[in-house]
Amino acid sequence: MLRRRFTPAQADRFAAALAELIDQRLGREVPQQGFAVTIDCDYRLHPLLAEAAWRSGLLVSMYDLPMRTHMWIIPGRVTVSEGYRAPEEVVWAA
């Protein structure tokens, strides 16, 4: 399938909106066990991704993002598994 291409400015707006939503979510949740925020793209667009797209003025579908991708976010650490059975990788740590 062809993915829609976004300009760097559009990608920056989307990333900023998503970061704000994640910060808001982390502020409301205190992780006990597991993860504070989980975002995925697997046969649907996760509500946080859809909200970030709307806030940044973009039309984004699940086909525009990597399918079967999962992100786990806890304060101080972000891990991602990009694609079917892909290994989990730390993409950011404080």
C-alpha atoms as a PDB file:
ATOM      1  CA  MET A   1       0.000   0.000   0.000  1.00  0.00           C
ATOM      2  CA  LEU A   2       1.110   3.506  -0.627  1.00  0.00           C
ATOM      3  CA  ARG A   3       1.592   5.620   2.447  1.00  0.00           C
ATOM      4  CA  ARG A   4       0.826   9.295   2.421  1.00  0.00           C
ATOM      5  CA  ARG A   5       4.019  11.335   2.664  1.00  0.00           C
ATOM      6  CA  PHE A   6       4.178  14.205   5.122  1.00  0.00           C
ATOM      7  CA  THR A   7       6.450  17.229   5.045  1.00  0.00           C
ATOM      8  CA  PRO A   8       8.957  17.745   7.868  1.00  0.00           C
ATOM      9  CA  ALA A   9       6.812  20.627   9.153  1.00  0.00           C
ATOM     10  CA  GLN A  10       3.708  18.413   9.232  1.00  0.00           C
ATOM     11  CA  ALA A  11       5.638  15.641  10.998  1.00  0.00           C
ATOM     12  CA  ASP A  12       6.921  18.163  13.569  1.00  0.00           C
ATOM     13  CA  ARG A  13       3.383  19.432  14.259  1.00  0.00           C
ATOM     14  CA  PHE A  14       2.139  15.861  14.673  1.00  0.00           C
ATOM     15  CA  ALA A  15       5.049  14.950  16.989  1.00  0.00           C
ATOM     16  CA  ALA A  16       4.497  18.061  19.122  1.00  0.00           C
ATOM     17  CA  ALA A  17       0.762  17.325  19.464  1.00  0.00           C
ATOM     18  CA  LEU A  18       1.444  13.677  20.331  1.00  0.00           C
ATOM     19  CA  ALA A  19       4.095  14.639  22.906  1.00  0.00           C
ATOM     20  CA  GLU A  20       1.642  17.022  24.569  1.00  0.00           C
ATOM     21  CA  LEU A  21      -1.038  14.317  24.737  1.00  0.00           C
ATOM     22  CA  ILE A  22       1.420  11.798  26.182  1.00  0.00           C
ATOM     23  CA  ASP A  23       2.586  14.315  28.800  1.00  0.00           C
ATOM     24  CA  GLN A  24      -1.038  14.946  29.772  1.00  0.00           C
ATOM     25  CA  ARG A  25      -1.727  11.219  30.028  1.00  0.00           C
ATOM     26  CA  LEU A  26       1.408  10.565  32.094  1.00  0.00           C
ATOM     27  CA  GLY A  27       0.433  13.381  34.438  1.00  0.00           C
ATOM     28  CA  ARG A  28      -2.884  11.650  35.195  1.00  0.00           C
ATOM     29  CA  GLU A  29      -1.545   8.131  35.618  1.00  0.00           C
ATOM     30  CA  VAL A  30       0.890   6.841  38.189  1.00  0.00           C
ATOM     31  CA  PRO A  31       2.461   3.643  36.888  1.00  0.00           C
ATOM     32  CA  GLN A  32       2.306   0.839  39.438  1.00  0.00           C
ATOM     33  CA  GLN A  33       3.149  -2.153  37.288  1.00  0.00           C
ATOM     34  CA  GLY A  34       3.524  -2.266  33.570  1.00  0.00           C
ATOM     35  CA  PHE A  35       3.313   0.832  31.422  1.00  0.00           C
ATOM     36  CA  ALA A  36       1.660   4.189  31.917  1.00  0.00           C
ATOM     37  CA  VAL A  37       0.839   4.715  28.226  1.00  0.00           C
ATOM     38  CA  THR A  38       0.654   2.184  25.421  1.00  0.00           C
ATOM     39  CA  ILE A  39       0.139   3.305  21.817  1.00  0.00           C
ATOM     40  CA  ASP A  40      -0.330   0.928  18.926  1.00  0.00           C
ATOM     41  CA  CYS A  41      -1.188   0.913  15.255  1.00  0.00           C
ATOM     42  CA  ASP A  42      -2.708  -2.435  14.345  1.00  0.00           C
ATOM     43  CA  TYR A  43      -5.826  -2.506  12.148  1.00  0.00           C
ATOM     44  CA  ARG A  44      -6.908   0.811  13.608  1.00  0.00           C
ATOM     45  CA  LEU A  45      -5.475   4.177  14.488  1.00  0.00           C
ATOM     46  CA  HIS A  46      -4.935   4.460  18.234  1.00  0.00           C
ATOM     47  CA  PRO A  47      -7.061   7.254  19.764  1.00  0.00           C
ATOM     48  CA  LEU A  48      -3.967   9.238  20.861  1.00  0.00           C
ATOM     49  CA  LEU A  49      -2.597   9.122  17.305  1.00  0.00           C
ATOM     50  CA  ALA A  50      -5.957  10.200  15.887  1.00  0.00           C
ATOM     51  CA  GLU A  51      -6.196  13.080  18.390  1.00  0.00           C
ATOM     52  CA  ALA A  52      -2.629  14.216  17.619  1.00  0.00           C
ATOM     53  CA  ALA A  53      -3.422  14.186  13.893  1.00  0.00           C
ATOM     54  CA  TRP A  54      -6.604  16.208  14.427  1.00  0.00           C
ATOM     55  CA  ARG A  55      -4.811  18.750  16.652  1.00  0.00           C
ATOM     56  CA  SER A  56      -2.059  19.189  14.069  1.00  0.00           C
ATOM     57  CA  GLY A  57      -4.523  19.591  11.189  1.00  0.00           C
ATOM     58  CA  LEU A  58      -3.563  16.369   9.411  1.00  0.00           C
ATOM     59  CA  LEU A  59      -5.626  13.622   7.889  1.00  0.00           C
ATOM     60  CA  VAL A  60      -3.903  10.400   8.988  1.00  0.00           C
ATOM     61  CA  SER A  61      -5.125   6.838   8.572  1.00  0.00           C
ATOM     62  CA  MET A  62      -3.768   3.592   9.975  1.00  0.00           C
ATOM     63  CA  TYR A  63      -2.191   2.957   6.570  1.00  0.00           C
ATOM     64  CA  ASP A  64       0.008   6.052   6.908  1.00  0.00           C
ATOM     65  CA  LEU A  65       1.789   4.668   9.971  1.00  0.00           C
ATOM     66  CA  PRO A  66       3.784   1.445  10.405  1.00  0.00           C
ATOM     67  CA  MET A  67       1.346  -1.442  10.960  1.00  0.00           C
ATOM     68  CA  ARG A  68       1.730  -3.725  13.963  1.00  0.00           C
ATOM     69  CA  THR A  69       3.777  -1.158  15.815  1.00  0.00           C
ATOM     70  CA  HIS A  70       3.524  -0.864  19.586  1.00  0.00           C
ATOM     71  CA  MET A  71       5.021   1.801  21.860  1.00  0.00           C
ATOM     72  CA  TRP A  72       5.254   1.549  25.640  1.00  0.00           C
ATOM     73  CA  ILE A  73       5.867   4.769  27.561  1.00  0.00           C
ATOM     74  CA  ILE A  74       6.749   5.142  31.217  1.00  0.00           C
ATOM     75  CA  PRO A  75       8.354   8.181  32.801  1.00  0.00           C
ATOM     76  CA  GLY A  76      12.012   8.075  31.789  1.00  0.00           C
ATOM     77  CA  ARG A  77      11.758   5.330  29.157  1.00  0.00           C
ATOM     78  CA  VAL A  78      10.134   4.644  25.766  1.00  0.00           C
ATOM     79  CA  THR A  79      10.300   1.293  23.964  1.00  0.00           C
ATOM     80  CA  VAL A  80       8.966   0.378  20.525  1.00  0.00           C
ATOM     81  CA  SER A  81       8.315  -2.798  18.582  1.00  0.00           C
ATOM     82  CA  GLU A  82       7.946  -1.802  14.918  1.00  0.00           C
ATOM     83  CA  GLY A  83       6.270  -4.483  12.826  1.00  0.00           C
ATOM     84  CA  TYR A  84       5.039  -8.032  13.238  1.00  0.00           C
ATOM     85  CA  ARG A  85       7.075  -9.914  15.875  1.00  0.00           C
ATOM     86  CA  ALA A  86       9.743  -7.217  15.848  1.00  0.00           C
ATOM     87  CA  PRO A  87      11.917  -7.061  18.942  1.00  0.00           C
ATOM     88  CA  GLU A  88      11.221  -4.381  21.510  1.00  0.00           C
ATOM     89  CA  GLU A  89      13.845  -1.624  21.426  1.00  0.00           C
ATOM     90  CA  VAL A  90      14.522   1.244  23.796  1.00  0.00           C
ATOM     91  CA  VAL A  91      14.204   4.418  21.698  1.00  0.00           C
ATOM     92  CA  TRP A  92      14.546   6.934  24.519  1.00  0.00           C
ATOM     93  CA  ALA A  93      15.721   6.816  28.113  1.00  0.00           C
ATOM     94  CA  ALA A  94      16.333   9.589  30.619  1.00  0.00           C
END
